[in-house]
Amino acid sequence: MTVDRDQVLRTAAALLSRKSTATMDEVARAAGIGRATLHRHFAGRDALVRALENHGIEQFEAALDAARLDEGPAPEALRRLIAEVEPAAGLLAFLVTENQLFEGDQMNEGWARLDARVSALFRRGQEQGDFRIDLTPAWLTEALYGLIGTCAWAVQVGRVAANDFQYMIVELLLGGARRGVEK
């Protein structure tokens, strides 16, 4: 039986996005393969998580490309980015909570590339007067990641309607939680 590695990764991403503590046995069952077959492709959970990391970075880079961040006003580019990243939001939520990915000297340089591209969008928006200048592009980037992950989780557990994913992230990030001037 030939195993489609990409399909196994997609299945593992879907499972771990819902249940981050899933075992290798559970991943194998979800993928419809035996544990031994899974271990032939991924030596253990760490290897699987590293493969998911690369998969997630590829998906996020594809979303960044599709969002055309350099085109048009920065707020519109941000809206496009959130729309493009939505299908991978659960995987990204899982990855940003995997501490092993961010420890030591072995951090994947893909994260730095992603951060640089998103930060450049926020910096451009600040320079054009669209975004607040009292918040650093690095902080806005982290806030975006946090909102994507939190909203993905809220959708998965039914606390938020899936149709509201993009709207809620954009509105909170661009408008902040602050009310308008009261009269």
Protein backbone atom coordinates (compact mmCIF):
# COMPACT_ATOMS: atom_id res chain seq x y z
CA MET A 1 0.00 0.00 0.00
CA THR A 2 1.38 3.38 -1.00
CA VAL A 3 1.04 6.08 1.62
CA ASP A 4 0.33 9.62 0.50
CA ARG A 5 2.59 11.60 2.85
CA ASP A 6 0.75 14.86 2.14
CA GLN A 7 -2.57 13.24 3.00
CA VAL A 8 -1.10 11.90 6.25
CA LEU A 9 0.14 15.41 7.07
CA ARG A 10 -3.26 16.94 6.28
CA THR A 11 -4.97 14.34 8.47
CA ALA A 12 -2.48 14.85 11.31
CA ALA A 13 -2.89 18.62 11.03
CA ALA A 14 -6.68 18.32 11.24
CA LEU A 15 -6.50 15.98 14.24
CA LEU A 16 -3.82 17.89 16.14
CA SER A 17 -5.60 21.18 15.48
CA ARG A 18 -8.58 19.76 17.35
CA LYS A 19 -6.67 17.66 19.89
CA SER A 20 -3.09 18.81 20.38
CA THR A 21 -2.32 15.89 22.72
CA ALA A 22 -3.28 13.20 20.18
CA THR A 23 -0.93 10.22 20.23
CA MET A 24 0.84 8.71 17.24
CA ASP A 25 -1.64 5.80 17.45
CA GLU A 26 -4.52 8.26 17.11
CA VAL A 27 -2.83 10.00 14.18
CA ALA A 28 -2.27 6.65 12.44
CA ARG A 29 -5.90 5.62 12.98
CA ALA A 30 -7.16 8.96 11.67
CA ALA A 31 -4.95 8.60 8.59
CA GLY A 32 -6.16 5.05 8.01
CA ILE A 33 -2.71 3.52 8.35
CA GLY A 34 -0.92 1.40 10.92
CA ARG A 35 1.32 2.85 13.58
CA ALA A 36 4.36 1.10 12.03
CA THR A 37 3.61 2.73 8.67
CA LEU A 38 3.31 6.12 10.32
CA HIS A 39 6.67 5.55 12.07
CA ARG A 40 8.32 4.68 8.76
CA HIS A 41 7.44 8.17 7.56
CA PHE A 42 7.86 10.02 10.86
CA ALA A 43 10.23 8.55 13.47
CA GLY A 44 8.14 9.93 16.32
CA ARG A 45 5.91 12.77 17.42
CA ASP A 46 8.76 15.30 17.21
CA ALA A 47 9.46 14.34 13.59
CA LEU A 48 5.75 14.57 12.78
CA VAL A 49 5.47 17.99 14.40
CA ARG A 50 8.56 19.20 12.48
CA ALA A 51 7.02 17.96 9.23
CA LEU A 52 3.78 19.74 10.14
CA GLU A 53 5.81 22.87 10.85
CA ASN A 54 7.24 22.81 7.33
CA HIS A 55 3.78 22.09 5.92
CA GLY A 56 2.27 24.99 7.89
CA ILE A 57 5.01 27.40 6.83
CA GLU A 58 4.44 26.40 3.20
CA GLN A 59 0.71 27.00 3.58
CA PHE A 60 1.22 30.37 5.25
CA GLU A 61 3.73 31.44 2.58
CA ALA A 62 1.23 30.45 -0.10
CA ALA A 63 -1.43 32.53 1.68
CA LEU A 64 0.96 35.49 1.83
CA ASP A 65 1.64 35.15 -1.90
CA ALA A 66 -2.05 34.85 -2.77
CA ALA A 67 -2.92 37.87 -0.60
CA ARG A 68 -0.67 40.13 -2.73
CA LEU A 69 0.47 42.12 0.31
CA ASP A 70 2.18 44.82 -1.74
CA GLU A 71 -0.96 45.72 -3.69
CA GLY A 72 -3.43 48.38 -2.68
CA PRO A 73 -4.03 49.87 0.75
CA ALA A 74 -2.54 47.93 3.67
CA PRO A 75 -5.92 47.31 5.38
CA GLU A 76 -7.23 45.67 2.21
CA ALA A 77 -4.08 43.55 1.94
CA LEU A 78 -4.61 42.50 5.56
CA ARG A 79 -8.18 41.49 4.78
CA ARG A 80 -6.97 39.41 1.84
CA LEU A 81 -4.32 37.77 4.03
CA ILE A 82 -6.85 36.75 6.67
CA ALA A 83 -9.13 35.31 3.98
CA GLU A 84 -6.26 33.36 2.42
CA VAL A 85 -4.92 32.02 5.73
CA GLU A 86 -8.32 30.88 7.04
CA PRO A 87 -8.10 27.31 5.64
CA ALA A 88 -4.79 26.78 7.49
CA ALA A 89 -5.77 28.61 10.68
CA GLY A 90 -6.23 25.47 12.78
CA LEU A 91 -2.81 24.14 11.84
CA LEU A 92 -1.19 27.51 12.52
CA ALA A 93 -2.96 27.66 15.89
CA PHE A 94 -1.50 24.27 16.77
CA LEU A 95 2.00 25.18 15.58
CA VAL A 96 2.30 28.46 17.46
CA THR A 97 1.55 26.62 20.70
CA GLU A 98 4.16 23.90 20.12
CA ASN A 99 6.97 25.18 22.33
CA GLN A 100 9.44 22.65 20.94
CA LEU A 101 9.40 24.56 17.65
CA PHE A 102 10.67 27.74 19.25
CA GLU A 103 13.32 26.44 21.63
CA GLY A 104 17.05 26.35 21.14
CA ASP A 105 19.17 27.02 18.09
CA GLN A 106 17.20 24.82 15.71
CA MET A 107 14.31 27.23 15.03
CA ASN A 108 13.02 26.97 11.47
CA GLU A 109 14.06 30.04 9.47
CA GLY A 110 10.65 29.91 7.77
CA TRP A 111 9.10 31.60 10.79
CA ALA A 112 11.48 34.56 10.40
CA ARG A 113 10.51 34.87 6.72
CA LEU A 114 6.82 34.86 7.60
CA ASP A 115 7.29 37.39 10.39
CA ALA A 116 9.27 39.70 8.11
CA ARG A 117 6.60 39.67 5.42
CA VAL A 118 3.72 40.31 7.80
CA SER A 119 5.67 42.97 9.71
CA ALA A 120 6.45 44.70 6.41
CA LEU A 121 2.72 44.92 5.73
CA PHE A 122 2.09 46.56 9.10
CA ARG A 123 5.07 48.89 8.63
CA ARG A 124 3.75 49.95 5.21
CA GLY A 125 0.33 50.58 6.74
CA GLN A 126 1.93 52.74 9.43
CA GLU A 127 3.93 54.71 6.88
CA GLN A 128 0.79 55.32 4.83
CA GLY A 129 -1.15 56.44 7.91
CA ASP A 130 -3.51 53.45 7.98
CA PHE A 131 -2.24 51.76 11.16
CA ARG A 132 -1.37 53.08 14.60
CA ILE A 133 2.28 54.00 15.04
CA ASP A 134 2.31 53.48 18.81
CA LEU A 135 2.26 49.69 18.29
CA THR A 136 5.30 48.07 16.68
CA PRO A 137 4.94 46.01 13.51
CA ALA A 138 6.35 43.05 15.47
CA TRP A 139 3.58 43.38 18.07
CA LEU A 140 0.88 43.74 15.39
CA THR A 141 2.26 40.60 13.73
CA GLU A 142 2.07 38.63 16.99
CA ALA A 143 -1.42 40.00 17.65
CA LEU A 144 -2.52 38.82 14.20
CA TYR A 145 -1.15 35.33 14.85
CA GLY A 146 -2.88 35.23 18.22
CA LEU A 147 -6.21 36.32 16.77
CA ILE A 148 -5.99 33.78 13.95
CA GLY A 149 -5.26 30.97 16.41
CA THR A 150 -7.87 32.01 18.92
CA CYS A 151 -10.55 32.47 16.31
CA ALA A 152 -9.72 29.10 14.71
CA TRP A 153 -10.16 27.44 18.09
CA ALA A 154 -13.40 29.33 18.82
CA VAL A 155 -14.81 28.19 15.47
CA GLN A 156 -13.75 24.57 16.09
CA VAL A 157 -15.50 24.39 19.46
CA GLY A 158 -18.61 26.17 18.20
CA ARG A 159 -18.25 29.41 20.17
CA VAL A 160 -18.01 31.45 16.98
CA ALA A 161 -19.67 30.99 13.59
CA ALA A 162 -17.22 30.01 10.86
CA ASN A 163 -18.66 32.74 8.64
CA ASP A 164 -17.50 35.35 11.18
CA PHE A 165 -13.81 34.27 11.16
CA GLN A 166 -12.51 36.99 8.83
CA TYR A 167 -14.79 39.76 10.06
CA MET A 168 -13.98 39.30 13.74
CA ILE A 169 -10.22 39.22 13.24
CA VAL A 170 -10.12 42.20 10.89
CA GLU A 171 -12.46 44.32 12.99
CA LEU A 172 -10.70 43.65 16.28
CA LEU A 173 -7.22 44.07 14.86
CA LEU A 174 -7.95 47.21 12.83
CA GLY A 175 -10.43 48.79 15.22
CA GLY A 176 -9.03 47.63 18.51
CA ALA A 177 -11.34 46.95 21.43
CA ARG A 178 -11.69 50.64 22.17
CA ARG A 179 -15.06 52.31 21.72
CA GLY A 180 -15.31 55.44 19.65
CA VAL A 181 -15.34 58.85 21.28
CA GLU A 182 -18.34 59.00 23.57
CA LYS A 183 -20.58 62.05 23.49
